Amino acid sequence: MAILSKIRERSMFLIIIIGLALFAFVLDPSTLGDFFDSSKVNQVGEINGESISLQEFTGRVGSL
C-alpha cells in the first residue's frame, strides 16, 4: 500500500516522463534537422535525388 501512495504523490512527474517518452518515440532526429535547415527554404520536394525549387514547381504547374 505504501508503494501506491508514493506513486500517487508523484503522478504529475510520471505523466511528464511518459509524455516526453512518447514525444521522443515519435520524433525523428533527421526530420528535426531538415526542419531547421535554412538551405532548404525554397525546396518543395525531391524526385529521384533531384531537389525541386518552388519557382521550378510553380513554373511547371502553372503551365498546365
C-alpha atoms as a PDB file:
ATOM      1  CA  MET A   1       0.000   0.000   0.000  1.00  0.00           C
ATOM      2  CA  ALA A   2       2.893   2.346   0.674  1.00  0.00           C
ATOM      3  CA  ILE A   3       4.090   1.946  -2.915  1.00  0.00           C
ATOM      4  CA  LEU A   4       0.726   3.026  -4.301  1.00  0.00           C
ATOM      5  CA  SER A   5       0.693   6.154  -2.150  1.00  0.00           C
ATOM      6  CA  LYS A   6       4.179   7.117  -3.374  1.00  0.00           C
ATOM      7  CA  ILE A   7       3.046   6.654  -6.990  1.00  0.00           C
ATOM      8  CA  ARG A   8       0.024   8.871  -6.305  1.00  0.00           C
ATOM      9  CA  GLU A   9       2.254  11.554  -4.798  1.00  0.00           C
ATOM     10  CA  ARG A  10       4.443  11.640  -7.908  1.00  0.00           C
ATOM     11  CA  SER A  11       1.697  11.268 -10.504  1.00  0.00           C
ATOM     12  CA  MET A  12       2.453  14.575 -12.299  1.00  0.00           C
ATOM     13  CA  PHE A  13       6.124  13.638 -12.573  1.00  0.00           C
ATOM     14  CA  LEU A  14       5.197  10.268 -14.076  1.00  0.00           C
ATOM     15  CA  ILE A  15       2.790  11.874 -16.553  1.00  0.00           C
ATOM     16  CA  ILE A  16       5.518  14.264 -17.716  1.00  0.00           C
ATOM     17  CA  ILE A  17       8.056  11.444 -18.092  1.00  0.00           C
ATOM     18  CA  ILE A  18       5.594   9.304 -20.068  1.00  0.00           C
ATOM     19  CA  GLY A  19       4.676  12.281 -22.287  1.00  0.00           C
ATOM     20  CA  LEU A  20       8.331  13.037 -23.033  1.00  0.00           C
ATOM     21  CA  ALA A  21       8.984   9.383 -23.831  1.00  0.00           C
ATOM     22  CA  LEU A  22       6.064   9.309 -26.282  1.00  0.00           C
ATOM     23  CA  PHE A  23       7.250  12.534 -27.901  1.00  0.00           C
ATOM     24  CA  ALA A  24      10.800  11.181 -28.242  1.00  0.00           C
ATOM     25  CA  PHE A  25       9.444   7.995 -29.794  1.00  0.00           C
ATOM     26  CA  VAL A  26       7.541   9.919 -32.476  1.00  0.00           C
ATOM     27  CA  LEU A  27      10.259  12.497 -33.153  1.00  0.00           C
ATOM     28  CA  ASP A  28      12.858  11.536 -35.754  1.00  0.00           C
ATOM     29  CA  PRO A  29      16.226  13.341 -35.413  1.00  0.00           C
ATOM     30  CA  SER A  30      16.735  13.604 -39.185  1.00  0.00           C
ATOM     31  CA  THR A  31      13.323  15.230 -39.603  1.00  0.00           C
ATOM     32  CA  LEU A  32      14.158  17.749 -36.912  1.00  0.00           C
ATOM     33  CA  GLY A  33      17.441  18.610 -38.658  1.00  0.00           C
ATOM     34  CA  ASP A  34      15.679  19.058 -42.008  1.00  0.00           C
ATOM     35  CA  PHE A  35      13.048  21.266 -40.399  1.00  0.00           C
ATOM     36  CA  PHE A  36      15.632  23.759 -39.118  1.00  0.00           C
ATOM     37  CA  ASP A  37      17.901  23.627 -42.197  1.00  0.00           C
ATOM     38  CA  SER A  38      17.783  27.083 -43.816  1.00  0.00           C
ATOM     39  CA  SER A  39      19.270  25.890 -47.125  1.00  0.00           C
ATOM     40  CA  LYS A  40      16.033  24.045 -47.936  1.00  0.00           C
ATOM     41  CA  VAL A  41      13.701  27.018 -47.544  1.00  0.00           C
ATOM     42  CA  ASN A  42      12.771  27.176 -51.243  1.00  0.00           C
ATOM     43  CA  GLN A  43      12.883  23.425 -51.792  1.00  0.00           C
ATOM     44  CA  VAL A  44       9.426  21.965 -52.405  1.00  0.00           C
ATOM     45  CA  GLY A  45      10.336  18.327 -52.864  1.00  0.00           C
ATOM     46  CA  GLU A  46      12.753  15.791 -54.228  1.00  0.00           C
ATOM     47  CA  ILE A  47      12.342  13.350 -57.121  1.00  0.00           C
ATOM     48  CA  ASN A  48      14.985  10.683 -57.815  1.00  0.00           C
ATOM     49  CA  GLY A  49      17.514  12.582 -55.697  1.00  0.00           C
ATOM     50  CA  GLU A  50      16.999  15.863 -57.582  1.00  0.00           C
ATOM     51  CA  SER A  51      15.589  18.697 -55.498  1.00  0.00           C
ATOM     52  CA  ILE A  52      12.825  20.873 -56.928  1.00  0.00           C
ATOM     53  CA  SER A  53      12.636  24.547 -56.071  1.00  0.00           C
ATOM     54  CA  LEU A  54       9.445  26.482 -55.540  1.00  0.00           C
ATOM     55  CA  GLN A  55       9.986  28.544 -58.702  1.00  0.00           C
ATOM     56  CA  GLU A  56      10.512  25.464 -60.850  1.00  0.00           C
ATOM     57  CA  PHE A  57       7.417  23.817 -59.374  1.00  0.00           C
ATOM     58  CA  THR A  58       5.163  26.815 -59.957  1.00  0.00           C
ATOM     59  CA  GLY A  59       6.551  27.227 -63.474  1.00  0.00           C
ATOM     60  CA  ARG A  60       5.700  23.659 -64.408  1.00  0.00           C
ATOM     61  CA  VAL A  61       2.334  23.508 -62.655  1.00  0.00           C
ATOM     62  CA  GLY A  62       1.289  26.963 -63.838  1.00  0.00           C
ATOM     63  CA  SER A  63       1.849  25.965 -67.471  1.00  0.00           C
ATOM     64  CA  LEU A  64      -0.676  23.140 -67.260  1.00  0.00           C
END
